[in-house]
Amino acid sequence: MKFFELTNLSQGERIAFARQLRGLTQDDVSEKLGLTGESKRRTMAIYERDQL
């Protein structure tokens, strides 16, 4: 059994933690959020790295 632990409470880390906990990829989340275009994966990565 794999245990998940959130050590960094930044917004990006919480987004990544919730996504991984549910077994979703960045593409899955971007589709559910309605992000479009070629850079939707990049947009999710930016959110997860707190660069926005």
PDB file of N, CA and C in Angstrom:
ATOM      1  N   MET A   1       0.854  -1.176   0.000  1.00  0.00           N
ATOM      2  CA  MET A   1       0.000   0.000   0.000  1.00  0.00           C
ATOM      3  C   MET A   1       0.899   1.238   0.000  1.00  0.00           C
ATOM      4  N   LYS A   2       0.589   2.179  -0.838  1.00  0.00           N
ATOM      5  CA  LYS A   2       1.386   3.399  -0.939  1.00  0.00           C
ATOM      6  C   LYS A   2       0.715   4.506  -0.132  1.00  0.00           C
ATOM      7  N   PHE A   3       1.505   5.146   0.722  1.00  0.00           N
ATOM      8  CA  PHE A   3       0.993   6.240   1.526  1.00  0.00           C
ATOM      9  C   PHE A   3       1.459   7.552   0.941  1.00  0.00           C
ATOM     10  N   PHE A   4       0.584   8.511   0.920  1.00  0.00           N
ATOM     11  CA  PHE A   4       0.900   9.830   0.401  1.00  0.00           C
ATOM     12  C   PHE A   4       1.068  10.781   1.570  1.00  0.00           C
ATOM     13  N   GLU A   5       2.062  11.635   1.457  1.00  0.00           N
ATOM     14  CA  GLU A   5       2.300  12.606   2.501  1.00  0.00           C
ATOM     15  C   GLU A   5       2.566  13.958   1.864  1.00  0.00           C
ATOM     16  N   LEU A   6       1.882  14.949   2.336  1.00  0.00           N
ATOM     17  CA  LEU A   6       2.038  16.304   1.845  1.00  0.00           C
ATOM     18  C   LEU A   6       2.914  17.060   2.831  1.00  0.00           C
ATOM     19  N   THR A   7       4.125  17.400   2.401  1.00  0.00           N
ATOM     20  CA  THR A   7       5.054  18.076   3.297  1.00  0.00           C
ATOM     21  C   THR A   7       5.140  19.572   3.023  1.00  0.00           C
ATOM     22  N   ASN A   8       4.915  19.968   1.792  1.00  0.00           N
ATOM     23  CA  ASN A   8       4.969  21.372   1.402  1.00  0.00           C
ATOM     24  C   ASN A   8       3.531  21.838   1.180  1.00  0.00           C
ATOM     25  N   LEU A   9       3.107  22.886   1.826  1.00  0.00           N
ATOM     26  CA  LEU A   9       1.719  23.320   1.748  1.00  0.00           C
ATOM     27  C   LEU A   9       1.475  24.416   0.716  1.00  0.00           C
ATOM     28  N   SER A  10       2.392  24.581  -0.233  1.00  0.00           N
ATOM     29  CA  SER A  10       2.176  25.586  -1.272  1.00  0.00           C
ATOM     30  C   SER A  10       1.001  25.157  -2.145  1.00  0.00           C
ATOM     31  N   GLN A  11       0.421  26.109  -2.826  1.00  0.00           N
ATOM     32  CA  GLN A  11      -0.737  25.830  -3.671  1.00  0.00           C
ATOM     33  C   GLN A  11      -0.398  24.798  -4.747  1.00  0.00           C
ATOM     34  N   GLY A  12       0.747  24.952  -5.374  1.00  0.00           N
ATOM     35  CA  GLY A  12       1.151  24.024  -6.426  1.00  0.00           C
ATOM     36  C   GLY A  12       1.335  22.605  -5.919  1.00  0.00           C
ATOM     37  N   GLU A  13       1.934  22.473  -4.750  1.00  0.00           N
ATOM     38  CA  GLU A  13       2.127  21.143  -4.174  1.00  0.00           C
ATOM     39  C   GLU A  13       0.788  20.499  -3.825  1.00  0.00           C
ATOM     40  N   ARG A  14      -0.152  21.289  -3.350  1.00  0.00           N
ATOM     41  CA  ARG A  14      -1.477  20.733  -3.028  1.00  0.00           C
ATOM     42  C   ARG A  14      -2.205  20.289  -4.281  1.00  0.00           C
ATOM     43  N   ILE A  15      -2.073  21.061  -5.383  1.00  0.00           N
ATOM     44  CA  ILE A  15      -2.687  20.674  -6.658  1.00  0.00           C
ATOM     45  C   ILE A  15      -2.095  19.354  -7.133  1.00  0.00           C
ATOM     46  N   ALA A  16      -0.759  19.262  -7.139  1.00  0.00           N
ATOM     47  CA  ALA A  16      -0.087  18.036  -7.585  1.00  0.00           C
ATOM     48  C   ALA A  16      -0.452  16.858  -6.688  1.00  0.00           C
ATOM     49  N   PHE A  17      -0.515  17.082  -5.389  1.00  0.00           N
ATOM     50  CA  PHE A  17      -0.847  16.023  -4.433  1.00  0.00           C
ATOM     51  C   PHE A  17      -2.255  15.478  -4.710  1.00  0.00           C
ATOM     52  N   ALA A  18      -3.225  16.362  -4.859  1.00  0.00           N
ATOM     53  CA  ALA A  18      -4.601  15.923  -5.109  1.00  0.00           C
ATOM     54  C   ALA A  18      -4.704  15.185  -6.441  1.00  0.00           C
ATOM     55  N   ARG A  19      -3.999  15.675  -7.449  1.00  0.00           N
ATOM     56  CA  ARG A  19      -4.019  15.036  -8.769  1.00  0.00           C
ATOM     57  C   ARG A  19      -3.439  13.634  -8.686  1.00  0.00           C
ATOM     58  N   GLN A  20      -2.287  13.498  -8.063  1.00  0.00           N
ATOM     59  CA  GLN A  20      -1.635  12.199  -7.968  1.00  0.00           C
ATOM     60  C   GLN A  20      -2.404  11.247  -7.064  1.00  0.00           C
ATOM     61  N   LEU A  21      -3.000  11.749  -6.012  1.00  0.00           N
ATOM     62  CA  LEU A  21      -3.787  10.922  -5.103  1.00  0.00           C
ATOM     63  C   LEU A  21      -4.954  10.267  -5.835  1.00  0.00           C
ATOM     64  N   ARG A  22      -5.527  10.980  -6.790  1.00  0.00           N
ATOM     65  CA  ARG A  22      -6.657  10.463  -7.566  1.00  0.00           C
ATOM     66  C   ARG A  22      -6.221   9.703  -8.813  1.00  0.00           C
ATOM     67  N   GLY A  23      -4.907   9.629  -9.036  1.00  0.00           N
ATOM     68  CA  GLY A  23      -4.397   8.878 -10.177  1.00  0.00           C
ATOM     69  C   GLY A  23      -4.606   9.568 -11.507  1.00  0.00           C
ATOM     70  N   LEU A  24      -4.644  10.893 -11.494  1.00  0.00           N
ATOM     71  CA  LEU A  24      -4.874  11.649 -12.716  1.00  0.00           C
ATOM     72  C   LEU A  24      -3.567  12.203 -13.268  1.00  0.00           C
ATOM     73  N   THR A  25      -3.514  12.369 -14.578  1.00  0.00           N
ATOM     74  CA  THR A  25      -2.376  13.025 -15.211  1.00  0.00           C
ATOM     75  C   THR A  25      -2.677  14.514 -15.343  1.00  0.00           C
ATOM     76  N   GLN A  26      -1.653  15.271 -15.696  1.00  0.00           N
ATOM     77  CA  GLN A  26      -1.865  16.703 -15.923  1.00  0.00           C
ATOM     78  C   GLN A  26      -2.833  16.908 -17.084  1.00  0.00           C
ATOM     79  N   ASP A  27      -2.782  16.041 -18.096  1.00  0.00           N
ATOM     80  CA  ASP A  27      -3.719  16.135 -19.217  1.00  0.00           C
ATOM     81  C   ASP A  27      -5.161  15.891 -18.763  1.00  0.00           C
ATOM     82  N   ASP A  28      -5.359  14.908 -17.890  1.00  0.00           N
ATOM     83  CA  ASP A  28      -6.706  14.619 -17.379  1.00  0.00           C
ATOM     84  C   ASP A  28      -7.294  15.841 -16.669  1.00  0.00           C
ATOM     85  N   VAL A  29      -6.498  16.448 -15.810  1.00  0.00           N
ATOM     86  CA  VAL A  29      -6.973  17.595 -15.038  1.00  0.00           C
ATOM     87  C   VAL A  29      -7.246  18.786 -15.959  1.00  0.00           C
ATOM     88  N   SER A  30      -6.363  19.018 -16.911  1.00  0.00           N
ATOM     89  CA  SER A  30      -6.560  20.158 -17.809  1.00  0.00           C
ATOM     90  C   SER A  30      -7.822  19.993 -18.649  1.00  0.00           C
ATOM     91  N   GLU A  31      -8.118  18.761 -19.059  1.00  0.00           N
ATOM     92  CA  GLU A  31      -9.362  18.516 -19.807  1.00  0.00           C
ATOM     93  C   GLU A  31     -10.574  18.769 -18.930  1.00  0.00           C
ATOM     94  N   LYS A  32     -10.529  18.305 -17.677  1.00  0.00           N
ATOM     95  CA  LYS A  32     -11.661  18.518 -16.764  1.00  0.00           C
ATOM     96  C   LYS A  32     -11.871  19.997 -16.454  1.00  0.00           C
ATOM     97  N   LEU A  33     -10.782  20.780 -16.476  1.00  0.00           N
ATOM     98  CA  LEU A  33     -10.888  22.218 -16.231  1.00  0.00           C
ATOM     99  C   LEU A  33     -11.257  23.003 -17.483  1.00  0.00           C
ATOM    100  N   GLY A  34     -11.258  22.327 -18.624  1.00  0.00           N
ATOM    101  CA  GLY A  34     -11.640  22.994 -19.864  1.00  0.00           C
ATOM    102  C   GLY A  34     -10.513  23.784 -20.508  1.00  0.00           C
ATOM    103  N   LEU A  35      -9.271  23.477 -20.158  1.00  0.00           N
ATOM    104  CA  LEU A  35      -8.148  24.154 -20.791  1.00  0.00           C
ATOM    105  C   LEU A  35      -8.007  23.633 -22.211  1.00  0.00           C
ATOM    106  N   THR A  36      -7.726  24.523 -23.138  1.00  0.00           N
ATOM    107  CA  THR A  36      -7.614  24.128 -24.536  1.00  0.00           C
ATOM    108  C   THR A  36      -6.278  24.575 -25.104  1.00  0.00           C
ATOM    109  N   GLY A  37      -5.991  24.108 -26.279  1.00  0.00           N
ATOM    110  CA  GLY A  37      -4.771  24.524 -26.956  1.00  0.00           C
ATOM    111  C   GLY A  37      -3.632  23.555 -26.752  1.00  0.00           C
ATOM    112  N   GLU A  38      -2.525  23.876 -27.387  1.00  0.00           N
ATOM    113  CA  GLU A  38      -1.364  22.993 -27.351  1.00  0.00           C
ATOM    114  C   GLU A  38      -0.600  23.068 -26.030  1.00  0.00           C
ATOM    115  N   SER A  39      -0.798  24.118 -25.266  1.00  0.00           N
ATOM    116  CA  SER A  39       0.007  24.318 -24.057  1.00  0.00           C
ATOM    117  C   SER A  39      -0.741  23.972 -22.773  1.00  0.00           C
ATOM    118  N   LYS A  40      -1.770  23.137 -22.849  1.00  0.00           N
ATOM    119  CA  LYS A  40      -2.541  22.837 -21.638  1.00  0.00           C
ATOM    120  C   LYS A  40      -1.714  22.078 -20.608  1.00  0.00           C
ATOM    121  N   ARG A  41      -0.824  21.189 -21.041  1.00  0.00           N
ATOM    122  CA  ARG A  41       0.042  20.486 -20.093  1.00  0.00           C
ATOM    123  C   ARG A  41       1.025  21.466 -19.459  1.00  0.00           C
ATOM    124  N   ARG A  42       1.532  22.385 -20.249  1.00  0.00           N
ATOM    125  CA  ARG A  42       2.460  23.391 -19.728  1.00  0.00           C
ATOM    126  C   ARG A  42       1.761  24.273 -18.704  1.00  0.00           C
ATOM    127  N   THR A  43       0.504  24.612 -18.955  1.00  0.00           N
ATOM    128  CA  THR A  43      -0.260  25.431 -18.016  1.00  0.00           C
ATOM    129  C   THR A  43      -0.398  24.722 -16.678  1.00  0.00           C
ATOM    130  N   MET A  44      -0.701  23.434 -16.694  1.00  0.00           N
ATOM    131  CA  MET A  44      -0.819  22.673 -15.446  1.00  0.00           C
ATOM    132  C   MET A  44       0.526  22.605 -14.727  1.00  0.00           C
ATOM    133  N   ALA A  45       1.596  22.433 -15.464  1.00  0.00           N
ATOM    134  CA  ALA A  45       2.930  22.378 -14.855  1.00  0.00           C
ATOM    135  C   ALA A  45       3.274  23.718 -14.187  1.00  0.00           C
ATOM    136  N   ILE A  46       2.895  24.803 -14.812  1.00  0.00           N
ATOM    137  CA  ILE A  46       3.147  26.125 -14.241  1.00  0.00           C
ATOM    138  C   ILE A  46       2.390  26.283 -12.936  1.00  0.00           C
ATOM    139  N   TYR A  47       1.130  25.857 -12.912  1.00  0.00           N
ATOM    140  CA  TYR A  47       0.354  25.925 -11.659  1.00  0.00           C
ATOM    141  C   TYR A  47       1.007  25.093 -10.567  1.00  0.00           C
ATOM    142  N   GLU A  48       1.452  23.881 -10.920  1.00  0.00           N
ATOM    143  CA  GLU A  48       2.028  22.992  -9.924  1.00  0.00           C
ATOM    144  C   GLU A  48       3.387  23.474  -9.431  1.00  0.00           C
ATOM    145  N   ARG A  49       4.085  24.253 -10.216  1.00  0.00           N
ATOM    146  CA  ARG A  49       5.388  24.795  -9.785  1.00  0.00           C
ATOM    147  C   ARG A  49       5.243  26.174  -9.134  1.00  0.00           C
ATOM    148  N   ASP A  50       4.037  26.650  -8.971  1.00  0.00           N
ATOM    149  CA  ASP A  50       3.759  27.951  -8.352  1.00  0.00           C
ATOM    150  C   ASP A  50       4.433  29.106  -9.085  1.00  0.00           C
ATOM    151  N   GLN A  51       4.438  29.040 -10.408  1.00  0.00           N
ATOM    152  CA  GLN A  51       5.055  30.095 -11.198  1.00  0.00           C
ATOM    153  C   GLN A  51       4.020  31.045 -11.783  1.00  0.00           C
ATOM    154  N   LEU A  52       2.818  30.957 -11.341  1.00  0.00           N
ATOM    155  CA  LEU A  52       1.761  31.814 -11.873  1.00  0.00           C
ATOM    156  C   LEU A  52       1.507  32.974 -10.956  1.00  0.00           C
TER     157      LEU A  52
END
